Amino acid sequence: MAQGPLSGVKVVEITMFQQGPVAGVRLGDLGADVIKIETKAGDPARGFMNIIGAMTGLKGNNYYFEHNNRNKRSVVIDLKSKKGKEIFLKLIDQADVFVNNMSIDAPLSLGIGPDDLLARNPRLIYAHASGWGRKGPAARELSFDYTGIARSGLMMCAGERGGPPAQILPGIGDEIGGLMCAWGVTIALYAREKTGKGQVVDTSLMGSTIAMLGLLMEAPAVLGQEFGREERASAGNPLYNHYRCKDDAWIVIAHLQPDVYWKKICRAVGIADLQDDPRFGSVEERGKHARELVSILDERFATKTREEWLRILKEEGCICTPIQSPIEVSRDPQALANNYFIDVHHPSWGKIKMVGFPWDFSETPASWHREAPALGAHTEEVLLEAGYTKDEITRFREEGAIQ
């Protein structure tokens, strides 16, 4: 198998739950050797399936921890002990990257803040995936995915006009935050190739979500006005809207040049008699009479199944796609063909499907090569690689510095 683009890069992480762990996963997917440092209690995500089950009714293996920690090795170290901290610092001396999503003050209190670690290893990339960034009045406030998507505007960029903040399923903020952190690390590694110097990479839930909403956030930033939430029944461009079909499945039609596609839509949905109706003769007129046109299209789409409409619309050269449930997405042949989902053989769970990779490299592909680790499964292996002897490792265990 070809090696990933980050093969040879050593990452040490102290992360929990999702944003920080996902950053490590993406680096591991790209071939980095990711060493997850945990306390004896372990990442709280190891027991998170109980909470997920209580919230959603989902039962089964802890997919949450698996998703957030594949392609990693686990080492248990007591950083509050003198010997444990010495072991950690020796790993940092040999590392290219340190990733954490602790609070701003936690690394400082442990003596492993950016100044401490960069003084020991000037080539280190010190990556901090925080809630609110390292600066500003809220920098030291605690955060989770929910607080990130709330304060960053996502909940008010979804849902319909006049409705309450949209209820968004959990994890989106953490996922984009993890991806942004991993992206920042790769950029910093590239910069190090030119300068020879490491640096601090600061990413956050807030910054990542704002970047994801960039187009929508430019309106208030530049114009002092908001791109307001729409109401489906009166969409300003009825040819850029979603409709319910006969089988209760939904379809999207997406025409950002509606005047070009107006006659095609009319032919496809069987309203050719409205092609020259002055109420709908231009994008401006269709906007003025949007509620009427959406109502007409609602009636038409309700006469056939989604699959029938997809076939008809595509035959007319219209732009359309199904609105899919998560289960449908996980079985979509387009997603499977591009490795957005992958089949893996988990040593404990057997053959399973997992979320794959958002990028494809022709020469150095990403890969799944290791299941999420058991707590402390690689402590001895990693310490032997770091230069410790088996006798020393035994003594460290006896002293409680490692597990």
Protein backbone atom coordinates (compact mmCIF):
# COMPACT_ATOMS: atom_id res chain seq x y z
CA MET A 1 0.00 0.00 0.00
CA ALA A 2 1.27 3.51 -0.87
CA GLN A 3 2.19 5.65 2.10
CA GLY A 4 0.08 8.67 2.96
CA PRO A 5 1.35 12.23 2.40
CA LEU A 6 2.15 12.68 6.11
CA SER A 7 4.06 9.41 6.46
CA GLY A 8 7.01 9.99 8.82
CA VAL A 9 5.28 12.78 10.75
CA LYS A 10 4.92 12.03 14.47
CA VAL A 11 1.95 13.56 16.28
CA VAL A 12 1.40 13.59 20.04
CA GLU A 13 -2.07 14.57 21.15
CA ILE A 14 -3.91 15.22 24.39
CA THR A 15 -7.52 15.45 23.29
CA MET A 16 -10.98 14.40 24.36
CA PHE A 17 -14.50 14.12 22.95
CA GLN A 18 -14.44 15.26 19.29
CA GLN A 19 -12.87 18.44 17.91
CA GLY A 20 -9.29 17.67 18.94
CA PRO A 21 -9.55 13.91 18.35
CA VAL A 22 -10.93 14.46 14.82
CA ALA A 23 -7.91 16.63 14.01
CA GLY A 24 -5.71 13.71 15.05
CA VAL A 25 -7.79 11.26 13.02
CA ARG A 26 -7.42 13.29 9.85
CA LEU A 27 -3.66 13.53 10.35
CA GLY A 28 -3.60 9.77 10.95
CA ASP A 29 -5.70 9.16 7.84
CA LEU A 30 -2.98 10.98 5.92
CA GLY A 31 -0.29 8.69 7.26
CA ALA A 32 0.97 10.46 10.40
CA ASP A 33 1.88 8.36 13.46
CA VAL A 34 -0.58 9.70 16.04
CA ILE A 35 0.05 8.95 19.71
CA LYS A 36 -2.92 9.67 21.96
CA ILE A 37 -1.90 10.51 25.54
CA GLU A 38 -4.58 9.64 28.09
CA THR A 39 -5.01 9.61 31.84
CA LYS A 40 -5.85 6.40 33.67
CA ALA A 41 -9.53 7.39 33.39
CA GLY A 42 -9.19 7.72 29.62
CA ASP A 43 -10.89 10.02 27.14
CA PRO A 44 -14.50 10.47 28.38
CA ALA A 45 -15.60 9.55 24.85
CA ARG A 46 -14.75 5.92 25.68
CA GLY A 47 -18.03 5.79 27.61
CA PHE A 48 -20.00 8.20 25.49
CA MET A 49 -22.22 5.62 23.83
CA ASN A 50 -24.30 5.57 27.03
CA ILE A 51 -25.13 9.24 26.56
CA ILE A 52 -25.73 8.83 22.82
CA GLY A 53 -28.10 5.95 23.57
CA ALA A 54 -29.98 8.01 26.13
CA MET A 55 -30.35 10.92 23.68
CA THR A 56 -31.13 9.01 20.50
CA GLY A 57 -31.96 5.41 21.30
CA LEU A 58 -29.00 4.20 19.22
CA LYS A 59 -27.59 0.92 20.48
CA GLY A 60 -24.42 -0.98 19.69
CA ASN A 61 -20.68 -0.44 19.49
CA ASN A 62 -19.19 2.90 20.46
CA TYR A 63 -18.95 4.33 16.97
CA TYR A 64 -18.37 7.80 18.47
CA PHE A 65 -15.00 6.91 19.98
CA GLU A 66 -14.10 4.76 16.99
CA HIS A 67 -14.74 7.58 14.52
CA ASN A 68 -12.76 10.08 16.60
CA ASN A 69 -9.75 7.88 17.32
CA ARG A 70 -8.98 5.48 14.47
CA ASN A 71 -5.40 5.38 13.19
CA LYS A 72 -3.95 6.20 16.63
CA ARG A 73 -1.96 4.53 19.39
CA SER A 74 -2.89 5.01 23.07
CA VAL A 75 -0.40 5.72 25.84
CA VAL A 76 -1.46 6.26 29.45
CA ILE A 77 0.73 8.74 31.37
CA ASP A 78 0.19 10.52 34.68
CA LEU A 79 1.28 14.02 33.71
CA LYS A 80 0.94 15.20 37.30
CA SER A 81 3.76 12.92 38.41
CA LYS A 82 7.36 14.04 37.92
CA LYS A 83 8.36 10.92 36.02
CA GLY A 84 5.19 10.95 33.92
CA LYS A 85 5.86 14.50 32.80
CA GLU A 86 9.47 13.60 31.96
CA ILE A 87 8.23 10.75 29.75
CA PHE A 88 5.75 13.05 28.02
CA LEU A 89 8.42 15.67 27.37
CA LYS A 90 10.73 13.04 25.88
CA LEU A 91 7.95 12.14 23.45
CA ILE A 92 7.54 15.84 22.62
CA ASP A 93 11.27 16.12 21.96
CA GLN A 94 10.84 13.50 19.22
CA ALA A 95 7.53 14.80 17.87
CA ASP A 96 6.67 16.99 14.90
CA VAL A 97 3.23 18.03 16.13
CA PHE A 98 1.40 18.42 19.43
CA VAL A 99 -2.39 18.67 19.23
CA ASN A 100 -4.68 19.49 22.14
CA ASN A 101 -8.19 20.76 22.74
CA MET A 102 -7.82 21.51 26.43
CA SER A 103 -8.90 24.81 27.92
CA ILE A 104 -6.44 27.66 27.42
CA ASP A 105 -5.14 27.44 31.00
CA ALA A 106 -4.89 23.65 31.37
CA PRO A 107 -1.63 23.16 29.44
CA LEU A 108 -0.12 26.16 31.22
CA SER A 109 -0.95 24.70 34.64
CA LEU A 110 0.76 21.44 33.64
CA GLY A 111 3.83 23.23 32.35
CA ILE A 112 3.21 22.11 28.77
CA GLY A 113 2.01 25.36 27.24
CA PRO A 114 3.31 26.55 23.88
CA ASP A 115 6.25 28.48 25.31
CA ASP A 116 7.35 25.46 27.34
CA LEU A 117 7.18 22.96 24.50
CA LEU A 118 8.58 25.21 21.76
CA ALA A 119 11.53 26.04 24.02
CA ARG A 120 12.32 22.30 24.15
CA ASN A 121 11.56 21.57 20.52
CA PRO A 122 11.73 24.67 18.30
CA ARG A 123 10.53 22.67 15.28
CA LEU A 124 7.33 21.60 17.01
CA ILE A 125 3.93 22.51 15.58
CA TYR A 126 1.81 23.31 18.66
CA ALA A 127 -1.83 23.04 17.58
CA HIS A 128 -4.64 24.15 19.87
CA ALA A 129 -8.24 23.44 18.84
CA SER A 130 -10.16 25.66 21.24
CA GLY A 131 -13.73 26.90 21.56
CA TRP A 132 -13.25 30.61 21.02
CA GLY A 133 -9.61 31.17 20.01
CA ARG A 134 -6.69 32.06 22.27
CA LYS A 135 -7.44 35.80 22.38
CA GLY A 136 -10.38 37.96 23.37
CA PRO A 137 -12.78 38.19 26.34
CA ALA A 138 -14.25 34.68 25.89
CA ALA A 139 -10.97 32.85 25.27
CA ARG A 140 -11.05 31.08 28.63
CA GLU A 141 -14.73 30.11 28.57
CA LEU A 142 -15.47 26.40 28.22
CA SER A 143 -17.23 25.18 25.09
CA PHE A 144 -18.73 22.21 23.31
CA ASP A 145 -20.02 21.68 19.80
CA TYR A 146 -23.46 23.10 20.78
CA THR A 147 -22.04 26.36 22.12
CA GLY A 148 -19.85 26.72 19.05
CA ILE A 149 -22.62 26.39 16.47
CA ALA A 150 -24.89 28.62 18.57
CA ARG A 151 -22.57 31.58 18.97
CA SER A 152 -21.13 31.29 15.48
CA GLY A 153 -24.46 31.78 13.72
CA LEU A 154 -25.07 28.32 12.26
CA MET A 155 -28.36 27.78 14.11
CA MET A 156 -29.72 31.02 12.66
CA CYS A 157 -28.51 30.21 9.15
CA ALA A 158 -30.71 27.09 9.00
CA GLY A 159 -34.42 26.57 9.40
CA GLU A 160 -37.17 28.80 8.06
CA ARG A 161 -37.74 32.52 8.42
CA GLY A 162 -39.60 33.38 11.59
CA GLY A 163 -38.92 30.02 13.20
CA PRO A 164 -36.82 29.31 16.28
CA PRO A 165 -33.08 28.61 15.99
CA ALA A 166 -32.70 25.43 13.97
CA GLN A 167 -32.19 22.21 15.89
CA ILE A 168 -29.02 20.84 14.34
CA LEU A 169 -27.80 17.32 15.02
CA PRO A 170 -24.62 17.29 17.12
CA GLY A 171 -21.05 17.15 15.91
CA ILE A 172 -21.00 19.49 12.90
CA GLY A 173 -19.03 22.22 14.68
CA ASP A 174 -16.54 19.73 16.09
CA GLU A 175 -16.04 18.08 12.69
CA ILE A 176 -15.31 21.33 10.86
CA GLY A 177 -13.16 22.42 13.81
CA GLY A 178 -11.14 19.20 13.61
CA LEU A 179 -10.71 19.49 9.86
CA MET A 180 -9.62 23.12 10.20
CA CYS A 181 -7.09 22.20 12.88
CA ALA A 182 -5.64 19.38 10.75
CA TRP A 183 -5.47 21.75 7.78
CA GLY A 184 -3.63 24.30 9.91
CA VAL A 185 -1.14 21.66 11.02
CA THR A 186 -0.35 20.60 7.45
CA ILE A 187 0.17 24.25 6.44
CA ALA A 188 2.49 24.79 9.41
CA LEU A 189 4.46 21.67 8.49
CA TYR A 190 4.88 23.05 4.98
CA ALA A 191 6.01 26.41 6.39
CA ARG A 192 8.53 24.59 8.58
CA GLU A 193 10.08 23.06 5.48
CA LYS A 194 10.92 26.59 4.36
CA THR A 195 11.82 28.23 7.67
CA GLY A 196 12.97 25.34 9.86
CA LYS A 197 10.81 26.72 12.67
CA GLY A 198 7.76 25.39 14.45
CA GLN A 199 4.89 27.60 15.57
CA VAL A 200 1.57 27.78 17.37
CA VAL A 201 -1.48 26.89 15.25
CA ASP A 202 -4.64 28.30 16.81
CA THR A 203 -8.02 27.11 15.52
CA SER A 204 -11.41 27.14 17.19
CA LEU A 205 -15.02 26.09 16.93
CA MET A 206 -16.02 29.70 16.47
CA GLY A 207 -13.48 30.52 13.78
CA SER A 208 -14.05 27.28 11.90
CA THR A 209 -17.82 27.65 11.85
CA ILE A 210 -17.63 31.29 10.78
CA ALA A 211 -15.32 30.24 7.93
CA MET A 212 -17.76 27.50 6.92
CA LEU A 213 -20.51 30.15 6.81
CA GLY A 214 -18.22 32.59 5.01
CA LEU A 215 -20.61 33.64 2.23
CA LEU A 216 -23.46 34.22 4.66
CA MET A 217 -21.20 36.09 7.10
CA GLU A 218 -19.85 38.45 4.45
CA ALA A 219 -23.27 40.09 4.09
CA PRO A 220 -23.41 41.46 7.67
CA ALA A 221 -19.65 42.10 7.62
CA VAL A 222 -19.57 44.07 4.36
CA LEU A 223 -23.12 45.42 4.07
CA GLY A 224 -24.31 45.49 7.67
CA GLN A 225 -27.27 43.40 6.50
CA GLU A 226 -28.18 39.74 6.89
CA PHE A 227 -28.84 37.17 4.18
CA GLY A 228 -32.17 36.35 5.80
CA ARG A 229 -33.53 32.89 6.34
CA GLU A 230 -36.03 31.87 3.71
CA GLU A 231 -39.47 30.33 3.88
CA ARG A 232 -39.80 27.40 1.50
CA ALA A 233 -43.36 28.27 0.53
CA SER A 234 -42.28 31.72 -0.69
CA ALA A 235 -38.69 31.08 -1.79
CA GLY A 236 -37.32 34.13 -3.62
CA ASN A 237 -36.23 31.86 -6.47
CA PRO A 238 -38.77 29.02 -6.74
CA LEU A 239 -36.42 27.27 -9.18
CA TYR A 240 -33.88 27.01 -6.36
CA ASN A 241 -36.03 25.21 -3.83
CA HIS A 242 -37.08 21.80 -2.54
CA TYR A 243 -40.33 19.96 -3.09
CA ARG A 244 -42.14 16.94 -1.69
CA CYS A 245 -42.90 14.12 -4.13
CA LYS A 246 -45.72 11.59 -4.26
CA ASP A 247 -43.80 9.05 -2.16
CA ASP A 248 -43.09 11.65 0.59
CA ALA A 249 -39.46 11.84 -0.51
CA TRP A 250 -38.03 15.30 -1.21
CA ILE A 251 -36.19 16.67 -4.21
CA VAL A 252 -34.06 19.77 -4.77
CA ILE A 253 -34.05 21.78 -7.97
CA ALA A 254 -31.11 24.18 -8.07
CA HIS A 255 -31.01 26.81 -10.82
CA LEU A 256 -28.95 29.92 -10.05
CA GLN A 257 -29.63 31.06 -13.63
CA PRO A 258 -33.40 30.56 -13.46
CA ASP A 259 -34.19 32.48 -16.65
CA VAL A 260 -32.02 30.02 -18.60
CA TYR A 261 -33.86 27.02 -17.15
CA TRP A 262 -37.42 28.34 -16.86
CA LYS A 263 -38.72 26.76 -20.07
CA LYS A 264 -36.98 23.46 -19.30
CA ILE A 265 -38.66 23.32 -15.89
CA CYS A 266 -42.01 24.16 -17.44
CA ARG A 267 -41.68 21.31 -19.93
CA ALA A 268 -40.42 18.86 -17.32
CA VAL A 269 -43.14 19.39 -14.73
CA GLY A 270 -45.97 19.83 -17.23
CA ILE A 271 -46.73 23.55 -16.93
CA ALA A 272 -45.78 24.58 -20.48
CA ASP A 273 -48.84 26.84 -20.56
CA LEU A 274 -47.10 29.08 -18.00
CA GLN A 275 -43.91 29.61 -20.01
CA ASP A 276 -45.04 33.03 -21.22
CA ASP A 277 -47.15 33.98 -18.20
CA PRO A 278 -46.11 37.56 -17.30
CA ARG A 279 -46.22 36.68 -13.58
CA PHE A 280 -43.30 34.32 -14.13
CA GLY A 281 -41.51 35.91 -17.12
CA SER A 282 -38.30 36.85 -15.28
CA VAL A 283 -36.43 36.13 -12.07
CA GLU A 284 -37.79 39.39 -10.65
CA GLU A 285 -41.40 38.58 -11.52
CA ARG A 286 -41.11 35.02 -10.24
CA GLY A 287 -39.77 36.47 -7.00
CA LYS A 288 -42.75 38.80 -6.69
CA HIS A 289 -45.15 35.90 -7.30
CA ALA A 290 -43.09 33.25 -5.53
CA ARG A 291 -45.83 31.97 -3.27
CA GLU A 292 -48.11 31.33 -6.28
CA LEU A 293 -45.39 29.54 -8.26
CA VAL A 294 -44.20 27.41 -5.32
CA SER A 295 -47.81 26.34 -4.76
CA ILE A 296 -48.12 25.33 -8.43
CA LEU A 297 -44.86 23.39 -8.30
CA ASP A 298 -45.89 21.74 -5.03
CA GLU A 299 -49.01 20.38 -6.75
CA ARG A 300 -47.03 19.11 -9.73
CA PHE A 301 -44.28 17.40 -7.73
CA ALA A 302 -46.91 15.66 -5.60
CA THR A 303 -48.08 13.71 -8.66
CA LYS A 304 -44.99 11.52 -9.15
CA THR A 305 -42.36 9.75 -7.06
CA ARG A 306 -38.93 11.21 -6.50
CA GLU A 307 -37.25 8.71 -8.81
CA GLU A 308 -39.73 9.53 -11.58
CA TRP A 309 -39.06 13.24 -11.21
CA LEU A 310 -35.29 12.79 -11.14
CA ARG A 311 -35.45 10.92 -14.43
CA ILE A 312 -37.77 13.47 -16.08
CA LEU A 313 -35.86 16.52 -14.89
CA LYS A 314 -32.50 15.12 -15.97
CA GLU A 315 -33.91 14.26 -19.41
CA GLU A 316 -34.81 17.96 -19.77
CA GLY A 317 -31.34 19.05 -18.66
CA CYS A 318 -32.47 20.46 -15.33
CA ILE A 319 -30.28 20.52 -12.21
CA CYS A 320 -31.72 18.37 -9.46
CA THR A 321 -30.84 15.91 -6.72
CA PRO A 322 -32.58 13.94 -3.99
CA ILE A 323 -32.65 15.13 -0.41
CA GLN A 324 -31.24 12.11 1.37
CA SER A 325 -31.38 10.79 4.90
CA PRO A 326 -28.09 9.84 6.59
CA ILE A 327 -28.81 6.15 5.89
CA GLU A 328 -29.35 6.93 2.20
CA VAL A 329 -26.12 8.93 2.07
CA SER A 330 -24.16 6.04 3.58
CA ARG A 331 -25.41 3.83 0.71
CA ASP A 332 -25.09 6.37 -2.10
CA PRO A 333 -23.03 4.81 -4.94
CA GLN A 334 -21.48 8.22 -5.67
CA ALA A 335 -20.20 8.52 -2.09
CA LEU A 336 -18.95 4.94 -2.14
CA ALA A 337 -17.15 5.35 -5.46
CA ASN A 338 -15.13 8.26 -4.10
CA ASN A 339 -14.25 6.64 -0.73
CA TYR A 340 -16.40 9.07 1.23
CA PHE A 341 -17.41 5.84 2.96
CA ILE A 342 -15.05 2.89 3.21
CA ASP A 343 -15.30 -0.77 4.15
CA VAL A 344 -12.83 -1.87 6.82
CA HIS A 345 -12.19 -5.04 8.75
CA HIS A 346 -12.32 -4.17 12.42
CA PRO A 347 -10.53 -6.79 14.53
CA SER A 348 -13.32 -6.79 17.12
CA TRP A 349 -16.40 -5.82 15.13
CA GLY A 350 -15.68 -7.58 11.84
CA LYS A 351 -16.43 -5.96 8.50
CA ILE A 352 -17.91 -2.49 8.98
CA LYS A 353 -18.46 0.64 6.96
CA MET A 354 -16.96 3.93 8.16
CA VAL A 355 -16.85 7.52 7.03
CA GLY A 356 -13.91 7.77 4.66
CA PHE A 357 -11.90 10.73 3.37
CA PRO A 358 -12.86 14.14 1.97
CA TRP A 359 -9.82 14.22 -0.33
CA ASP A 360 -8.18 11.89 -2.84
CA PHE A 361 -4.46 11.77 -3.61
CA SER A 362 -3.38 9.92 -6.73
CA GLU A 363 0.11 8.98 -5.43
CA THR A 364 -0.15 9.12 -1.61
CA PRO A 365 -3.71 8.07 -0.71
CA ALA A 366 -5.30 8.38 2.70
CA SER A 367 -6.12 5.11 4.42
CA TRP A 368 -7.65 3.37 7.41
CA HIS A 369 -4.94 1.21 8.90
CA ARG A 370 -5.73 0.89 12.61
CA GLU A 371 -8.84 0.68 14.77
CA ALA A 372 -9.31 3.08 17.69
CA PRO A 373 -6.96 1.89 20.45
CA ALA A 374 -7.81 0.27 23.76
CA LEU A 375 -6.80 2.42 26.71
CA GLY A 376 -3.03 2.26 27.10
CA ALA A 377 -2.68 -0.48 24.49
CA HIS A 378 0.55 0.96 23.09
CA THR A 379 2.25 2.39 26.15
CA GLU A 380 5.12 -0.10 26.15
CA GLU A 381 5.49 -0.07 22.37
CA VAL A 382 5.74 3.73 22.17
CA LEU A 383 8.12 4.02 25.12
CA LEU A 384 10.42 1.37 23.70
CA GLU A 385 10.53 3.37 20.45
CA ALA A 386 11.34 6.47 22.50
CA GLY A 387 14.44 4.74 23.86
CA TYR A 388 13.33 3.39 27.23
CA THR A 389 14.17 -0.17 28.26
CA LYS A 390 11.67 -2.80 29.39
CA ASP A 391 13.09 -2.60 32.92
CA GLU A 392 12.54 1.16 33.00
CA ILE A 393 9.00 0.76 31.70
CA THR A 394 8.26 -1.81 34.41
CA ARG A 395 9.59 0.58 37.03
CA PHE A 396 7.49 3.46 35.63
CA ARG A 397 4.40 1.27 35.95
CA GLU A 398 5.25 0.36 39.52
CA GLU A 399 5.65 4.04 40.33
CA GLY A 400 2.29 4.84 38.74
CA ALA A 401 3.76 7.16 36.12
CA ILE A 402 2.31 5.08 33.27
CA GLN A 403 -0.21 2.32 32.75
